[in-house]
Amino acid sequence: RIRRDNPALQSNDSLRFFPTDNEQLIAYAKRSADGDNVILT
């Protein structure tokens, strides 16, 4: 349902990873083409 409701997750070209100070935590985000929808995982 989250995927269906958030256009940011419906493509791959905006995928960006962000640093954390713990190797066991992975963080990344996607942003919709219009910039209005941003999902950070």
ModelCIF file with pLDDT and N, C-alpha, C, O atoms, coordinates in Angstrom:
data_MODEL
#
_entry.id   MODEL 
#
_entity.id                         1 
_entity.type                       polymer 
_entity.pdbx_number_of_molecules   1 
#
_entity_poly.entity_id                      1 
_entity_poly.type                           'polypeptide(L)' 
_entity_poly.nstd_linkage                   no 
_entity_poly.nstd_monomer                   no 
_entity_poly.pdbx_seq_one_letter_code       RIRRDNPALQSNDSLRFFPTDNEQLIAYAKRSADGDNVILT 
_entity_poly.pdbx_seq_one_letter_code_can   RIRRDNPALQSNDSLRFFPTDNEQLIAYAKRSADGDNVILT 
_entity_poly.pdbx_strand_id                 A 
#
loop_
_entity_poly_seq.entity_id 
_entity_poly_seq.num 
_entity_poly_seq.mon_id 
_entity_poly_seq.hetero 
1 1  ARG n 
1 2  ILE n 
1 3  ARG n 
1 4  ARG n 
1 5  ASP n 
1 6  ASN n 
1 7  PRO n 
1 8  ALA n 
1 9  LEU n 
1 10 GLN n 
1 11 SER n 
1 12 ASN n 
1 13 ASP n 
1 14 SER n 
1 15 LEU n 
1 16 ARG n 
1 17 PHE n 
1 18 PHE n 
1 19 PRO n 
1 20 THR n 
1 21 ASP n 
1 22 ASN n 
1 23 GLU n 
1 24 GLN n 
1 25 LEU n 
1 26 ILE n 
1 27 ALA n 
1 28 TYR n 
1 29 ALA n 
1 30 LYS n 
1 31 ARG n 
1 32 SER n 
1 33 ALA n 
1 34 ASP n 
1 35 GLY n 
1 36 ASP n 
1 37 ASN n 
1 38 VAL n 
1 39 ILE n 
1 40 LEU n 
1 41 THR n 
#
_struct_asym.id          A 
_struct_asym.entity_id   1 
#
loop_
_ma_qa_metric.id 
_ma_qa_metric.mode 
_ma_qa_metric.name 
_ma_qa_metric.software_group_id 
_ma_qa_metric.type 
1 global pLDDT . pLDDT 
2 local  pLDDT . pLDDT 
#
_ma_qa_metric_global.metric_id      1 
_ma_qa_metric_global.metric_value   97.39 
_ma_qa_metric_global.model_id       1 
_ma_qa_metric_global.ordinal_id     1 
#
loop_
_ma_qa_metric_local.label_asym_id 
_ma_qa_metric_local.label_comp_id 
_ma_qa_metric_local.label_seq_id 
_ma_qa_metric_local.metric_id 
_ma_qa_metric_local.metric_value 
_ma_qa_metric_local.model_id 
_ma_qa_metric_local.ordinal_id 
A ARG 1  2 98.00 1 1  
A ILE 2  2 98.00 1 2  
A ARG 3  2 98.00 1 3  
A ARG 4  2 98.00 1 4  
A ASP 5  2 98.00 1 5  
A ASN 6  2 98.00 1 6  
A PRO 7  2 98.00 1 7  
A ALA 8  2 98.00 1 8  
A LEU 9  2 98.00 1 9  
A GLN 10 2 98.00 1 10 
A SER 11 2 98.00 1 11 
A ASN 12 2 98.00 1 12 
A ASP 13 2 95.00 1 13 
A SER 14 2 97.00 1 14 
A LEU 15 2 98.00 1 15 
A ARG 16 2 98.00 1 16 
A PHE 17 2 98.00 1 17 
A PHE 18 2 98.00 1 18 
A PRO 19 2 97.00 1 19 
A THR 20 2 98.00 1 20 
A ASP 21 2 97.00 1 21 
A ASN 22 2 98.00 1 22 
A GLU 23 2 98.00 1 23 
A GLN 24 2 98.00 1 24 
A LEU 25 2 98.00 1 25 
A ILE 26 2 98.00 1 26 
A ALA 27 2 98.00 1 27 
A TYR 28 2 98.00 1 28 
A ALA 29 2 98.00 1 29 
A LYS 30 2 98.00 1 30 
A ARG 31 2 97.00 1 31 
A SER 32 2 97.00 1 32 
A ALA 33 2 94.00 1 33 
A ASP 34 2 94.00 1 34 
A GLY 35 2 94.00 1 35 
A ASP 36 2 95.00 1 36 
A ASN 37 2 97.00 1 37 
A VAL 38 2 97.00 1 38 
A ILE 39 2 98.00 1 39 
A LEU 40 2 98.00 1 40 
A THR 41 2 98.00 1 41 
#
loop_
_atom_site.group_PDB 
_atom_site.id 
_atom_site.type_symbol 
_atom_site.label_atom_id 
_atom_site.label_alt_id 
_atom_site.label_comp_id 
_atom_site.label_asym_id 
_atom_site.label_entity_id 
_atom_site.label_seq_id 
_atom_site.pdbx_PDB_ins_code 
_atom_site.Cartn_x 
_atom_site.Cartn_y 
_atom_site.Cartn_z 
_atom_site.occupancy 
_atom_site.B_iso_or_equiv 
_atom_site.pdbx_formal_charge 
_atom_site.auth_seq_id 
_atom_site.auth_comp_id 
_atom_site.auth_asym_id 
_atom_site.auth_atom_id 
_atom_site.pdbx_PDB_model_num 
ATOM 1   N N  . ARG A 1 1  ? 0.838  -1.204 0.000   1.00 98.00 ? 1  ARG A N  1 
ATOM 2   C CA . ARG A 1 1  ? 0.000  0.000  0.000   1.00 98.00 ? 1  ARG A CA 1 
ATOM 3   C C  . ARG A 1 1  ? 0.877  1.260  0.000   1.00 98.00 ? 1  ARG A C  1 
ATOM 4   O O  . ARG A 1 1  ? 0.562  2.241  -0.673  1.00 98.00 ? 1  ARG A O  1 
ATOM 5   N N  . ILE A 1 2  ? 1.963  1.224  0.749   1.00 98.00 ? 2  ILE A N  1 
ATOM 6   C CA . ILE A 1 2  ? 2.905  2.342  0.757   1.00 98.00 ? 2  ILE A CA 1 
ATOM 7   C C  . ILE A 1 2  ? 3.468  2.559  -0.645  1.00 98.00 ? 2  ILE A C  1 
ATOM 8   O O  . ILE A 1 2  ? 3.576  3.696  -1.105  1.00 98.00 ? 2  ILE A O  1 
ATOM 9   N N  . ARG A 1 3  ? 3.823  1.482  -1.313  1.00 98.00 ? 3  ARG A N  1 
ATOM 10  C CA . ARG A 1 3  ? 4.337  1.596  -2.690  1.00 98.00 ? 3  ARG A CA 1 
ATOM 11  C C  . ARG A 1 3  ? 3.299  2.206  -3.616  1.00 98.00 ? 3  ARG A C  1 
ATOM 12  O O  . ARG A 1 3  ? 3.610  3.070  -4.436  1.00 98.00 ? 3  ARG A O  1 
ATOM 13  N N  . ARG A 1 4  ? 2.080  1.753  -3.477  1.00 98.00 ? 4  ARG A N  1 
ATOM 14  C CA . ARG A 1 4  ? 1.016  2.225  -4.363  1.00 98.00 ? 4  ARG A CA 1 
ATOM 15  C C  . ARG A 1 4  ? 0.690  3.702  -4.128  1.00 98.00 ? 4  ARG A C  1 
ATOM 16  O O  . ARG A 1 4  ? 0.342  4.421  -5.065  1.00 98.00 ? 4  ARG A O  1 
ATOM 17  N N  . ASP A 1 5  ? 0.804  4.153  -2.872  1.00 98.00 ? 5  ASP A N  1 
ATOM 18  C CA . ASP A 1 5  ? 0.397  5.512  -2.530  1.00 98.00 ? 5  ASP A CA 1 
ATOM 19  C C  . ASP A 1 5  ? 1.501  6.546  -2.700  1.00 98.00 ? 5  ASP A C  1 
ATOM 20  O O  . ASP A 1 5  ? 1.235  7.743  -2.592  1.00 98.00 ? 5  ASP A O  1 
ATOM 21  N N  . ASN A 1 6  ? 2.725  6.123  -2.961  1.00 98.00 ? 6  ASN A N  1 
ATOM 22  C CA . ASN A 1 6  ? 3.849  7.061  -3.000  1.00 98.00 ? 6  ASN A CA 1 
ATOM 23  C C  . ASN A 1 6  ? 4.605  6.956  -4.317  1.00 98.00 ? 6  ASN A C  1 
ATOM 24  O O  . ASN A 1 6  ? 5.354  6.002  -4.532  1.00 98.00 ? 6  ASN A O  1 
ATOM 25  N N  . PRO A 1 7  ? 4.412  7.934  -5.202  1.00 98.00 ? 7  PRO A N  1 
ATOM 26  C CA . PRO A 1 7  ? 5.067  7.890  -6.528  1.00 98.00 ? 7  PRO A CA 1 
ATOM 27  C C  . PRO A 1 7  ? 6.585  7.794  -6.456  1.00 98.00 ? 7  PRO A C  1 
ATOM 28  O O  . PRO A 1 7  ? 7.212  7.291  -7.388  1.00 98.00 ? 7  PRO A O  1 
ATOM 29  N N  . ALA A 1 8  ? 7.186  8.268  -5.369  1.00 98.00 ? 8  ALA A N  1 
ATOM 30  C CA . ALA A 1 8  ? 8.646  8.200  -5.259  1.00 98.00 ? 8  ALA A CA 1 
ATOM 31  C C  . ALA A 1 8  ? 9.156  6.775  -5.371  1.00 98.00 ? 8  ALA A C  1 
ATOM 32  O O  . ALA A 1 8  ? 10.257 6.550  -5.874  1.00 98.00 ? 8  ALA A O  1 
ATOM 33  N N  . LEU A 1 9  ? 8.368  5.805  -4.907  1.00 98.00 ? 9  LEU A N  1 
ATOM 34  C CA . LEU A 1 9  ? 8.802  4.408  -4.913  1.00 98.00 ? 9  LEU A CA 1 
ATOM 35  C C  . LEU A 1 9  ? 8.506  3.699  -6.229  1.00 98.00 ? 9  LEU A C  1 
ATOM 36  O O  . LEU A 1 9  ? 8.782  2.507  -6.365  1.00 98.00 ? 9  LEU A O  1 
ATOM 37  N N  . GLN A 1 10 ? 7.953  4.415  -7.188  1.00 98.00 ? 10 GLN A N  1 
ATOM 38  C CA . GLN A 1 10 ? 7.519  3.789  -8.435  1.00 98.00 ? 10 GLN A CA 1 
ATOM 39  C C  . GLN A 1 10 ? 8.504  3.959  -9.581  1.00 98.00 ? 10 GLN A C  1 
ATOM 40  O O  . GLN A 1 10 ? 8.188  3.662  -10.733 1.00 98.00 ? 10 GLN A O  1 
ATOM 41  N N  . SER A 1 11 ? 9.693  4.436  -9.258  1.00 98.00 ? 11 SER A N  1 
ATOM 42  C CA . SER A 1 11 ? 10.779 4.496  -10.239 1.00 98.00 ? 11 SER A CA 1 
ATOM 43  C C  . SER A 1 11 ? 12.090 4.369  -9.482  1.00 98.00 ? 11 SER A C  1 
ATOM 44  O O  . SER A 1 11 ? 12.102 4.377  -8.251  1.00 98.00 ? 11 SER A O  1 
ATOM 45  N N  . ASN A 1 12 ? 13.200 4.252  -10.215 1.00 98.00 ? 12 ASN A N  1 
ATOM 46  C CA . ASN A 1 12 ? 14.492 3.976  -9.588  1.00 98.00 ? 12 ASN A CA 1 
ATOM 47  C C  . ASN A 1 12 ? 15.524 5.075  -9.769  1.00 98.00 ? 12 ASN A C  1 
ATOM 48  O O  . ASN A 1 12 ? 16.525 5.097  -9.053  1.00 98.00 ? 12 ASN A O  1 
ATOM 49  N N  . ASP A 1 13 ? 15.307 5.986  -10.707 1.00 95.00 ? 13 ASP A N  1 
ATOM 50  C CA . ASP A 1 13 ? 16.387 6.891  -11.081 1.00 95.00 ? 13 ASP A CA 1 
ATOM 51  C C  . ASP A 1 13 ? 16.747 7.901  -9.999  1.00 95.00 ? 13 ASP A C  1 
ATOM 52  O O  . ASP A 1 13 ? 17.830 8.483  -10.050 1.00 95.00 ? 13 ASP A O  1 
ATOM 53  N N  . SER A 1 14 ? 15.869 8.128  -9.016  1.00 97.00 ? 14 SER A N  1 
ATOM 54  C CA . SER A 1 14 ? 16.172 9.112  -7.969  1.00 97.00 ? 14 SER A CA 1 
ATOM 55  C C  . SER A 1 14 ? 16.821 8.488  -6.733  1.00 97.00 ? 14 SER A C  1 
ATOM 56  O O  . SER A 1 14 ? 17.081 9.195  -5.759  1.00 97.00 ? 14 SER A O  1 
ATOM 57  N N  . LEU A 1 15 ? 17.084 7.199  -6.750  1.00 98.00 ? 15 LEU A N  1 
ATOM 58  C CA . LEU A 1 15 ? 17.611 6.512  -5.560  1.00 98.00 ? 15 LEU A CA 1 
ATOM 59  C C  . LEU A 1 15 ? 18.959 7.108  -5.142  1.00 98.00 ? 15 LEU A C  1 
ATOM 60  O O  . LEU A 1 15 ? 19.882 7.220  -5.948  1.00 98.00 ? 15 LEU A O  1 
ATOM 61  N N  . ARG A 1 16 ? 19.050 7.487  -3.859  1.00 98.00 ? 16 ARG A N  1 
ATOM 62  C CA . ARG A 1 16 ? 20.295 8.006  -3.296  1.00 98.00 ? 16 ARG A CA 1 
ATOM 63  C C  . ARG A 1 16 ? 20.500 7.411  -1.904  1.00 98.00 ? 16 ARG A C  1 
ATOM 64  O O  . ARG A 1 16 ? 19.552 7.290  -1.129  1.00 98.00 ? 16 ARG A O  1 
ATOM 65  N N  . PHE A 1 17 ? 21.736 7.043  -1.596  1.00 98.00 ? 17 PHE A N  1 
ATOM 66  C CA . PHE A 1 17 ? 22.074 6.490  -0.292  1.00 98.00 ? 17 PHE A CA 1 
ATOM 67  C C  . PHE A 1 17 ? 22.695 7.582  0.583   1.00 98.00 ? 17 PHE A C  1 
ATOM 68  O O  . PHE A 1 17 ? 23.338 8.507  0.085   1.00 98.00 ? 17 PHE A O  1 
ATOM 69  N N  . PHE A 1 18 ? 22.486 7.452  1.906   1.00 98.00 ? 18 PHE A N  1 
ATOM 70  C CA . PHE A 1 18 ? 23.003 8.429  2.853   1.00 98.00 ? 18 PHE A CA 1 
ATOM 71  C C  . PHE A 1 18 ? 23.809 7.715  3.933   1.00 98.00 ? 18 PHE A C  1 
ATOM 72  O O  . PHE A 1 18 ? 23.498 6.583  4.304   1.00 98.00 ? 18 PHE A O  1 
ATOM 73  N N  . PRO A 1 19 ? 24.845 8.383  4.434   1.00 97.00 ? 19 PRO A N  1 
ATOM 74  C CA . PRO A 1 19 ? 25.718 7.731  5.424   1.00 97.00 ? 19 PRO A CA 1 
ATOM 75  C C  . PRO A 1 19 ? 25.092 7.644  6.809   1.00 97.00 ? 19 PRO A C  1 
ATOM 76  O O  . PRO A 1 19 ? 24.348 8.526  7.239   1.00 97.00 ? 19 PRO A O  1 
ATOM 77  N N  . THR A 1 20 ? 25.413 6.567  7.483   1.00 98.00 ? 20 THR A N  1 
ATOM 78  C CA . THR A 1 20 ? 25.137 6.413  8.915   1.00 98.00 ? 20 THR A CA 1 
ATOM 79  C C  . THR A 1 20 ? 26.443 5.989  9.576   1.00 98.00 ? 20 THR A C  1 
ATOM 80  O O  . THR A 1 20 ? 27.351 5.497  8.906   1.00 98.00 ? 20 THR A O  1 
ATOM 81  N N  . ASP A 1 21 ? 26.537 6.180  10.889  1.00 97.00 ? 21 ASP A N  1 
ATOM 82  C CA . ASP A 1 21 ? 27.771 5.811  11.581  1.00 97.00 ? 21 ASP A CA 1 
ATOM 83  C C  . ASP A 1 21 ? 27.723 4.391  12.124  1.00 97.00 ? 21 ASP A C  1 
ATOM 84  O O  . ASP A 1 21 ? 28.529 4.014  12.974  1.00 97.00 ? 21 ASP A O  1 
ATOM 85  N N  . ASN A 1 22 ? 26.763 3.597  11.623  1.00 98.00 ? 22 ASN A N  1 
ATOM 86  C CA . ASN A 1 22 ? 26.618 2.204  12.049  1.00 98.00 ? 22 ASN A CA 1 
ATOM 87  C C  . ASN A 1 22 ? 26.445 1.352  10.792  1.00 98.00 ? 22 ASN A C  1 
ATOM 88  O O  . ASN A 1 22 ? 25.491 1.540  10.038  1.00 98.00 ? 22 ASN A O  1 
ATOM 89  N N  . GLU A 1 23 ? 27.361 0.424  10.570  1.00 98.00 ? 23 GLU A N  1 
ATOM 90  C CA . GLU A 1 23 ? 27.334 -0.412 9.361   1.00 98.00 ? 23 GLU A CA 1 
ATOM 91  C C  . GLU A 1 23 ? 26.082 -1.275 9.270   1.00 98.00 ? 23 GLU A C  1 
ATOM 92  O O  . GLU A 1 23 ? 25.743 -1.746 8.184   1.00 98.00 ? 23 GLU A O  1 
ATOM 93  N N  . GLN A 1 24 ? 25.391 -1.493 10.379  1.00 98.00 ? 24 GLN A N  1 
ATOM 94  C CA . GLN A 1 24 ? 24.187 -2.318 10.363  1.00 98.00 ? 24 GLN A CA 1 
ATOM 95  C C  . GLN A 1 24 ? 22.939 -1.524 9.961   1.00 98.00 ? 24 GLN A C  1 
ATOM 96  O O  . GLN A 1 24 ? 21.859 -2.098 9.822   1.00 98.00 ? 24 GLN A O  1 
ATOM 97  N N  . LEU A 1 25 ? 23.081 -0.222 9.775   1.00 98.00 ? 25 LEU A N  1 
ATOM 98  C CA . LEU A 1 25 ? 21.955 0.610  9.339   1.00 98.00 ? 25 LEU A CA 1 
ATOM 99  C C  . LEU A 1 25 ? 22.210 1.081  7.919   1.00 98.00 ? 25 LEU A C  1 
ATOM 100 O O  . LEU A 1 25 ? 23.259 1.658  7.634   1.00 98.00 ? 25 LEU A O  1 
ATOM 101 N N  . ILE A 1 26 ? 21.259 0.840  7.030   1.00 98.00 ? 26 ILE A N  1 
ATOM 102 C CA . ILE A 1 26 ? 21.340 1.339  5.659   1.00 98.00 ? 26 ILE A CA 1 
ATOM 103 C C  . ILE A 1 26 ? 20.215 2.333  5.448   1.00 98.00 ? 26 ILE A C  1 
ATOM 104 O O  . ILE A 1 26 ? 19.070 2.078  5.819   1.00 98.00 ? 26 ILE A O  1 
ATOM 105 N N  . ALA A 1 27 ? 20.549 3.471  4.848   1.00 98.00 ? 27 ALA A N  1 
ATOM 106 C CA . ALA A 1 27 ? 19.575 4.546  4.649   1.00 98.00 ? 27 ALA A CA 1 
ATOM 107 C C  . ALA A 1 27 ? 19.620 5.016  3.200   1.00 98.00 ? 27 ALA A C  1 
ATOM 108 O O  . ALA A 1 27 ? 20.693 5.183  2.620   1.00 98.00 ? 27 ALA A O  1 
ATOM 109 N N  . TYR A 1 28 ? 18.459 5.222  2.635   1.00 98.00 ? 28 TYR A N  1 
ATOM 110 C CA . TYR A 1 28 ? 18.381 5.679  1.247   1.00 98.00 ? 28 TYR A CA 1 
ATOM 111 C C  . TYR A 1 28 ? 17.024 6.351  1.027   1.00 98.00 ? 28 TYR A C  1 
ATOM 112 O O  . TYR A 1 28 ? 16.083 6.157  1.797   1.00 98.00 ? 28 TYR A O  1 
ATOM 113 N N  . ALA A 1 29 ? 16.949 7.135  -0.029  1.00 98.00 ? 29 ALA A N  1 
ATOM 114 C CA . ALA A 1 29 ? 15.714 7.881  -0.303  1.00 98.00 ? 29 ALA A CA 1 
ATOM 115 C C  . ALA A 1 29 ? 15.418 7.875  -1.783  1.00 98.00 ? 29 ALA A C  1 
ATOM 116 O O  . ALA A 1 29 ? 16.302 7.700  -2.622  1.00 98.00 ? 29 ALA A O  1 
ATOM 117 N N  . LYS A 1 30 ? 14.137 8.073  -2.082  1.00 98.00 ? 30 LYS A N  1 
ATOM 118 C CA . LYS A 1 30 ? 13.666 8.287  -3.443  1.00 98.00 ? 30 LYS A CA 1 
ATOM 119 C C  . LYS A 1 30 ? 12.742 9.500  -3.447  1.00 98.00 ? 30 LYS A C  1 
ATOM 120 O O  . LYS A 1 30 ? 12.065 9.797  -2.462  1.00 98.00 ? 30 LYS A O  1 
ATOM 121 N N  . ARG A 1 31 ? 12.737 10.191 -4.585  1.00 97.00 ? 31 ARG A N  1 
ATOM 122 C CA . ARG A 1 31 ? 11.951 11.413 -4.724  1.00 97.00 ? 31 ARG A CA 1 
ATOM 123 C C  . ARG A 1 31 ? 11.193 11.362 -6.038  1.00 97.00 ? 31 ARG A C  1 
ATOM 124 O O  . ARG A 1 31 ? 11.754 10.985 -7.067  1.00 97.00 ? 31 ARG A O  1 
ATOM 125 N N  . SER A 1 32 ? 9.928  11.738 -6.011  1.00 97.00 ? 32 SER A N  1 
ATOM 126 C CA . SER A 1 32 ? 9.120  11.719 -7.233  1.00 97.00 ? 32 SER A CA 1 
ATOM 127 C C  . SER A 1 32 ? 9.628  12.764 -8.220  1.00 97.00 ? 32 SER A C  1 
ATOM 128 O O  . SER A 1 32 ? 10.352 13.685 -7.842  1.00 97.00 ? 32 SER A O  1 
ATOM 129 N N  . ALA A 1 33 ? 9.244  12.617 -9.486  1.00 94.00 ? 33 ALA A N  1 
ATOM 130 C CA . ALA A 1 33 ? 9.726  13.512 -10.535 1.00 94.00 ? 33 ALA A CA 1 
ATOM 131 C C  . ALA A 1 33 ? 9.351  14.964 -10.264 1.00 94.00 ? 33 ALA A C  1 
ATOM 132 O O  . ALA A 1 33 ? 10.120 15.870 -10.586 1.00 94.00 ? 33 ALA A O  1 
ATOM 133 N N  . ASP A 1 34 ? 8.177  15.197 -9.675  1.00 94.00 ? 34 ASP A N  1 
ATOM 134 C CA . ASP A 1 34 ? 7.764  16.574 -9.389  1.00 94.00 ? 34 ASP A CA 1 
ATOM 135 C C  . ASP A 1 34 ? 8.318  17.092 -8.069  1.00 94.00 ? 34 ASP A C  1 
ATOM 136 O O  . ASP A 1 34 ? 8.103  18.253 -7.722  1.00 94.00 ? 34 ASP A O  1 
ATOM 137 N N  . GLY A 1 35 ? 9.028  16.249 -7.333  1.00 94.00 ? 35 GLY A N  1 
ATOM 138 C CA . GLY A 1 35 ? 9.644  16.655 -6.085  1.00 94.00 ? 35 GLY A CA 1 
ATOM 139 C C  . GLY A 1 35 ? 8.723  16.693 -4.891  1.00 94.00 ? 35 GLY A C  1 
ATOM 140 O O  . GLY A 1 35 ? 9.174  16.978 -3.782  1.00 94.00 ? 35 GLY A O  1 
ATOM 141 N N  . ASP A 1 36 ? 7.443  16.415 -5.080  1.00 95.00 ? 36 ASP A N  1 
ATOM 142 C CA . ASP A 1 36 ? 6.470  16.556 -3.988  1.00 95.00 ? 36 ASP A CA 1 
ATOM 143 C C  . ASP A 1 36 ? 6.456  15.364 -3.037  1.00 95.00 ? 36 ASP A C  1 
ATOM 144 O O  . ASP A 1 36 ? 6.029  15.495 -1.890  1.00 95.00 ? 36 ASP A O  1 
ATOM 145 N N  . ASN A 1 37 ? 6.911  14.226 -3.491  1.00 97.00 ? 37 ASN A N  1 
ATOM 146 C CA . ASN A 1 37 ? 6.843  13.017 -2.678  1.00 97.00 ? 37 ASN A CA 1 
ATOM 147 C C  . ASN A 1 37 ? 8.260  12.513 -2.420  1.00 97.00 ? 37 ASN A C  1 
ATOM 148 O O  . ASN A 1 37 ? 8.984  12.180 -3.357  1.00 97.00 ? 37 ASN A O  1 
ATOM 149 N N  . VAL A 1 38 ? 8.652  12.457 -1.151  1.00 97.00 ? 38 VAL A N  1 
ATOM 150 C CA . VAL A 1 38 ? 9.992  12.013 -0.763  1.00 97.00 ? 38 VAL A CA 1 
ATOM 151 C C  . VAL A 1 38 ? 9.852  10.898 0.262   1.00 97.00 ? 38 VAL A C  1 
ATOM 152 O O  . VAL A 1 38 ? 9.205  11.070 1.295   1.00 97.00 ? 38 VAL A O  1 
ATOM 153 N N  . ILE A 1 39 ? 10.466 9.752  -0.031  1.00 98.00 ? 39 ILE A N  1 
ATOM 154 C CA . ILE A 1 39 ? 10.427 8.602  0.875   1.00 98.00 ? 39 ILE A CA 1 
ATOM 155 C C  . ILE A 1 39 ? 11.855 8.267  1.303   1.00 98.00 ? 39 ILE A C  1 
ATOM 156 O O  . ILE A 1 39 ? 12.725 8.016  0.469   1.00 98.00 ? 39 ILE A O  1 
ATOM 157 N N  . LEU A 1 40 ? 12.077 8.267  2.605   1.00 98.00 ? 40 LEU A N  1 
ATOM 158 C CA . LEU A 1 40 ? 13.363 7.900  3.189   1.00 98.00 ? 40 LEU A CA 1 
ATOM 159 C C  . LEU A 1 40 ? 13.189 6.574  3.929   1.00 98.00 ? 40 LEU A C  1 
ATOM 160 O O  . LEU A 1 40 ? 12.325 6.447  4.796   1.00 98.00 ? 40 LEU A O  1 
ATOM 161 N N  . THR A 1 41 ? 14.017 5.589  3.578   1.00 98.00 ? 41 THR A N  1 
ATOM 162 C CA . THR A 1 41 ? 13.949 4.269  4.202   1.00 98.00 ? 41 THR A CA 1 
ATOM 163 C C  . THR A 1 41 ? 15.226 4.011  4.991   1.00 98.00 ? 41 THR A C  1 
ATOM 164 O O  . THR A 1 41 ? 15.374 2.949  5.597   1.00 98.00 ? 41 THR A O  1 
#
